[in-house]
Amino acid sequence: MKKRMNVKSYDEVIEQLLKDKAGVPSDMFGVDKGRISKFTEKDRLEDRD
């Protein structure tokens, strides 16, 4: 589906589908853009013992 829609991530696939099919406005996306960071490997393993 990523290739067919010509996007880089599944997040972009979901965003595009919501915009096109559900009519969700563009201003509903990217509210936290630049304020949050991706999970690191340390974050993923943090609570495992």
PDB file of N, CA and C in Angstrom:
ATOM      1  N   MET A   1       0.816  -1.183   0.000  1.00  0.00           N
ATOM      2  CA  MET A   1       0.000   0.000   0.000  1.00  0.00           C
ATOM      3  C   MET A   1       0.869   1.260   0.000  1.00  0.00           C
ATOM      4  N   LYS A   2       2.011   1.197   0.712  1.00  0.00           N
ATOM      5  CA  LYS A   2       2.929   2.344   0.721  1.00  0.00           C
ATOM      6  C   LYS A   2       3.392   2.666  -0.690  1.00  0.00           C
ATOM      7  N   LYS A   3       3.766   1.637  -1.435  1.00  0.00           N
ATOM      8  CA  LYS A   3       4.244   1.851  -2.804  1.00  0.00           C
ATOM      9  C   LYS A   3       3.138   2.411  -3.685  1.00  0.00           C
ATOM     10  N   ARG A   4       1.954   1.835  -3.552  1.00  0.00           N
ATOM     11  CA  ARG A   4       0.835   2.268  -4.389  1.00  0.00           C
ATOM     12  C   ARG A   4       0.458   3.728  -4.119  1.00  0.00           C
ATOM     13  N   MET A   5       0.566   4.149  -2.855  1.00  0.00           N
ATOM     14  CA  MET A   5       0.215   5.521  -2.488  1.00  0.00           C
ATOM     15  C   MET A   5       1.411   6.462  -2.586  1.00  0.00           C
ATOM     16  N   ASN A   6       2.601   5.891  -2.869  1.00  0.00           N
ATOM     17  CA  ASN A   6       3.829   6.671  -3.019  1.00  0.00           C
ATOM     18  C   ASN A   6       4.161   7.475  -1.758  1.00  0.00           C
ATOM     19  N   VAL A   7       4.155   6.771  -0.615  1.00  0.00           N
ATOM     20  CA  VAL A   7       4.517   7.392   0.661  1.00  0.00           C
ATOM     21  C   VAL A   7       5.614   6.567   1.318  1.00  0.00           C
ATOM     22  N   LYS A   8       6.269   7.147   2.322  1.00  0.00           N
ATOM     23  CA  LYS A   8       7.428   6.506   2.944  1.00  0.00           C
ATOM     24  C   LYS A   8       7.092   5.652   4.164  1.00  0.00           C
ATOM     25  N   SER A   9       5.982   5.944   4.848  1.00  0.00           N
ATOM     26  CA  SER A   9       5.687   5.223   6.084  1.00  0.00           C
ATOM     27  C   SER A   9       4.208   4.854   6.167  1.00  0.00           C
ATOM     28  N   TYR A  10       3.909   3.919   7.052  1.00  0.00           N
ATOM     29  CA  TYR A  10       2.515   3.549   7.272  1.00  0.00           C
ATOM     30  C   TYR A  10       1.751   4.682   7.952  1.00  0.00           C
ATOM     31  N   ASP A  11       2.444   5.503   8.714  1.00  0.00           N
ATOM     32  CA  ASP A  11       1.804   6.689   9.292  1.00  0.00           C
ATOM     33  C   ASP A  11       1.264   7.587   8.184  1.00  0.00           C
ATOM     34  N   GLU A  12       2.050   7.747   7.126  1.00  0.00           N
ATOM     35  CA  GLU A  12       1.614   8.568   5.996  1.00  0.00           C
ATOM     36  C   GLU A  12       0.437   7.922   5.267  1.00  0.00           C
ATOM     37  N   VAL A  13       0.423   6.588   5.184  1.00  0.00           N
ATOM     38  CA  VAL A  13      -0.705   5.877   4.575  1.00  0.00           C
ATOM     39  C   VAL A  13      -1.975   6.176   5.364  1.00  0.00           C
ATOM     40  N   ILE A  14      -1.896   6.039   6.679  1.00  0.00           N
ATOM     41  CA  ILE A  14      -3.057   6.287   7.539  1.00  0.00           C
ATOM     42  C   ILE A  14      -3.518   7.728   7.417  1.00  0.00           C
ATOM     43  N   GLU A  15      -2.574   8.647   7.466  1.00  0.00           N
ATOM     44  CA  GLU A  15      -2.907  10.066   7.353  1.00  0.00           C
ATOM     45  C   GLU A  15      -3.615  10.355   6.031  1.00  0.00           C
ATOM     46  N   GLN A  16      -3.089   9.817   4.942  1.00  0.00           N
ATOM     47  CA  GLN A  16      -3.686  10.055   3.627  1.00  0.00           C
ATOM     48  C   GLN A  16      -5.084   9.459   3.536  1.00  0.00           C
ATOM     49  N   LEU A  17      -5.264   8.246   4.072  1.00  0.00           N
ATOM     50  CA  LEU A  17      -6.584   7.620   4.050  1.00  0.00           C
ATOM     51  C   LEU A  17      -7.593   8.426   4.862  1.00  0.00           C
ATOM     52  N   LEU A  18      -7.172   8.906   6.015  1.00  0.00           N
ATOM     53  CA  LEU A  18      -8.072   9.713   6.840  1.00  0.00           C
ATOM     54  C   LEU A  18      -8.468  11.009   6.142  1.00  0.00           C
ATOM     55  N   LYS A  19      -7.525  11.615   5.466  1.00  0.00           N
ATOM     56  CA  LYS A  19      -7.822  12.853   4.738  1.00  0.00           C
ATOM     57  C   LYS A  19      -8.778  12.585   3.576  1.00  0.00           C
ATOM     58  N   ASP A  20      -8.449  11.569   2.769  1.00  0.00           N
ATOM     59  CA  ASP A  20      -9.204  11.312   1.546  1.00  0.00           C
ATOM     60  C   ASP A  20     -10.559  10.657   1.798  1.00  0.00           C
ATOM     61  N   LYS A  21     -10.588   9.634   2.633  1.00  0.00           N
ATOM     62  CA  LYS A  21     -11.805   8.833   2.793  1.00  0.00           C
ATOM     63  C   LYS A  21     -12.714   9.323   3.918  1.00  0.00           C
ATOM     64  N   ALA A  22     -12.129   9.810   5.004  1.00  0.00           N
ATOM     65  CA  ALA A  22     -12.940  10.216   6.152  1.00  0.00           C
ATOM     66  C   ALA A  22     -13.147  11.722   6.220  1.00  0.00           C
ATOM     67  N   GLY A  23     -12.434  12.457   5.379  1.00  0.00           N
ATOM     68  CA  GLY A  23     -12.606  13.902   5.357  1.00  0.00           C
ATOM     69  C   GLY A  23     -12.028  14.622   6.563  1.00  0.00           C
ATOM     70  N   VAL A  24     -11.038  14.014   7.204  1.00  0.00           N
ATOM     71  CA  VAL A  24     -10.391  14.651   8.355  1.00  0.00           C
ATOM     72  C   VAL A  24      -9.525  15.796   7.837  1.00  0.00           C
ATOM     73  N   PRO A  25      -9.691  17.010   8.381  1.00  0.00           N
ATOM     74  CA  PRO A  25      -8.921  18.163   7.889  1.00  0.00           C
ATOM     75  C   PRO A  25      -7.421  18.043   8.163  1.00  0.00           C
ATOM     76  N   SER A  26      -6.617  18.618   7.280  1.00  0.00           N
ATOM     77  CA  SER A  26      -5.157  18.560   7.385  1.00  0.00           C
ATOM     78  C   SER A  26      -4.634  19.150   8.682  1.00  0.00           C
ATOM     79  N   ASP A  27      -5.326  20.149   9.222  1.00  0.00           N
ATOM     80  CA  ASP A  27      -4.824  20.787  10.445  1.00  0.00           C
ATOM     81  C   ASP A  27      -4.957  19.893  11.673  1.00  0.00           C
ATOM     82  N   MET A  28      -5.561  18.721  11.514  1.00  0.00           N
ATOM     83  CA  MET A  28      -5.655  17.764  12.618  1.00  0.00           C
ATOM     84  C   MET A  28      -4.377  16.928  12.739  1.00  0.00           C
ATOM     85  N   PHE A  29      -3.485  17.039  11.768  1.00  0.00           N
ATOM     86  CA  PHE A  29      -2.248  16.266  11.761  1.00  0.00           C
ATOM     87  C   PHE A  29      -1.059  17.162  12.053  1.00  0.00           C
ATOM     88  N   GLY A  30      -0.065  16.617  12.736  1.00  0.00           N
ATOM     89  CA  GLY A  30       1.179  17.337  12.950  1.00  0.00           C
ATOM     90  C   GLY A  30       1.166  18.326  14.095  1.00  0.00           C
ATOM     91  N   VAL A  31       0.219  18.193  15.007  1.00  0.00           N
ATOM     92  CA  VAL A  31       0.123  19.116  16.140  1.00  0.00           C
ATOM     93  C   VAL A  31       1.402  19.099  16.967  1.00  0.00           C
ATOM     94  N   ASP A  32       1.971  17.915  17.179  1.00  0.00           N
ATOM     95  CA  ASP A  32       3.179  17.782  17.999  1.00  0.00           C
ATOM     96  C   ASP A  32       4.453  17.687  17.168  1.00  0.00           C
ATOM     97  N   LYS A  33       4.358  17.928  15.882  1.00  0.00           N
ATOM     98  CA  LYS A  33       5.525  17.797  15.008  1.00  0.00           C
ATOM     99  C   LYS A  33       6.650  18.710  15.494  1.00  0.00           C
ATOM    100  N   GLY A  34       7.826  18.130  15.694  1.00  0.00           N
ATOM    101  CA  GLY A  34       8.969  18.902  16.166  1.00  0.00           C
ATOM    102  C   GLY A  34       9.074  18.964  17.682  1.00  0.00           C
ATOM    103  N   ARG A  35       8.007  18.581  18.387  1.00  0.00           N
ATOM    104  CA  ARG A  35       8.028  18.628  19.850  1.00  0.00           C
ATOM    105  C   ARG A  35       8.235  17.253  20.471  1.00  0.00           C
ATOM    106  N   ILE A  36       8.004  16.218  19.709  1.00  0.00           N
ATOM    107  CA  ILE A  36       8.208  14.874  20.227  1.00  0.00           C
ATOM    108  C   ILE A  36       9.269  14.179  19.386  1.00  0.00           C
ATOM    109  N   SER A  37       9.901  13.171  19.970  1.00  0.00           N
ATOM    110  CA  SER A  37      10.935  12.444  19.241  1.00  0.00           C
ATOM    111  C   SER A  37      10.540  10.979  19.116  1.00  0.00           C
ATOM    112  N   LYS A  38      11.182  10.285  18.199  1.00  0.00           N
ATOM    113  CA  LYS A  38      10.911   8.871  17.997  1.00  0.00           C
ATOM    114  C   LYS A  38      11.459   8.073  19.169  1.00  0.00           C
ATOM    115  N   PHE A  39      10.902   6.879  19.366  1.00  0.00           N
ATOM    116  CA  PHE A  39      11.404   5.989  20.398  1.00  0.00           C
ATOM    117  C   PHE A  39      12.810   5.526  20.041  1.00  0.00           C
ATOM    118  N   THR A  40      13.655   5.410  21.053  1.00  0.00           N
ATOM    119  CA  THR A  40      15.003   4.891  20.850  1.00  0.00           C
ATOM    120  C   THR A  40      15.038   3.433  21.289  1.00  0.00           C
ATOM    121  N   GLU A  41      16.106   2.746  20.972  1.00  0.00           N
ATOM    122  CA  GLU A  41      16.268   1.363  21.404  1.00  0.00           C
ATOM    123  C   GLU A  41      16.228   1.280  22.928  1.00  0.00           C
ATOM    124  N   LYS A  42      16.826   2.247  23.609  1.00  0.00           N
ATOM    125  CA  LYS A  42      16.821   2.290  25.075  1.00  0.00           C
ATOM    126  C   LYS A  42      15.391   2.385  25.608  1.00  0.00           C
ATOM    127  N   ASP A  43      14.560   3.199  24.970  1.00  0.00           N
ATOM    128  CA  ASP A  43      13.163   3.333  25.385  1.00  0.00           C
ATOM    129  C   ASP A  43      12.424   2.009  25.267  1.00  0.00           C
ATOM    130  N   ARG A  44      12.692   1.283  24.224  1.00  0.00           N
ATOM    131  CA  ARG A  44      11.989   0.021  23.983  1.00  0.00           C
ATOM    132  C   ARG A  44      12.358  -1.044  25.006  1.00  0.00           C
ATOM    133  N   LEU A  45      13.576  -1.015  25.488  1.00  0.00           N
ATOM    134  CA  LEU A  45      14.043  -2.046  26.413  1.00  0.00           C
ATOM    135  C   LEU A  45      14.010  -1.597  27.872  1.00  0.00           C
ATOM    136  N   GLU A  46      13.560  -0.400  28.126  1.00  0.00           N
ATOM    137  CA  GLU A  46      13.624   0.239  29.434  1.00  0.00           C
ATOM    138  C   GLU A  46      12.993  -0.558  30.575  1.00  0.00           C
ATOM    139  N   ASP A  47      11.794  -1.093  30.387  1.00  0.00           N
ATOM    140  CA  ASP A  47      11.068  -1.729  31.487  1.00  0.00           C
ATOM    141  C   ASP A  47      11.143  -3.248  31.484  1.00  0.00           C
ATOM    142  N   ARG A  48      12.071  -3.799  30.766  1.00  0.00           N
ATOM    143  CA  ARG A  48      12.202  -5.262  30.727  1.00  0.00           C
ATOM    144  C   ARG A  48      13.257  -5.718  31.719  1.00  0.00           C
ATOM    145  N   ASP A  49      12.912  -6.729  32.454  1.00  0.00           N
ATOM    146  CA  ASP A  49      13.861  -7.313  33.422  1.00  0.00           C
ATOM    147  C   ASP A  49      14.119  -8.762  33.141  1.00  0.00           C
TER     148      ASP A  49
END
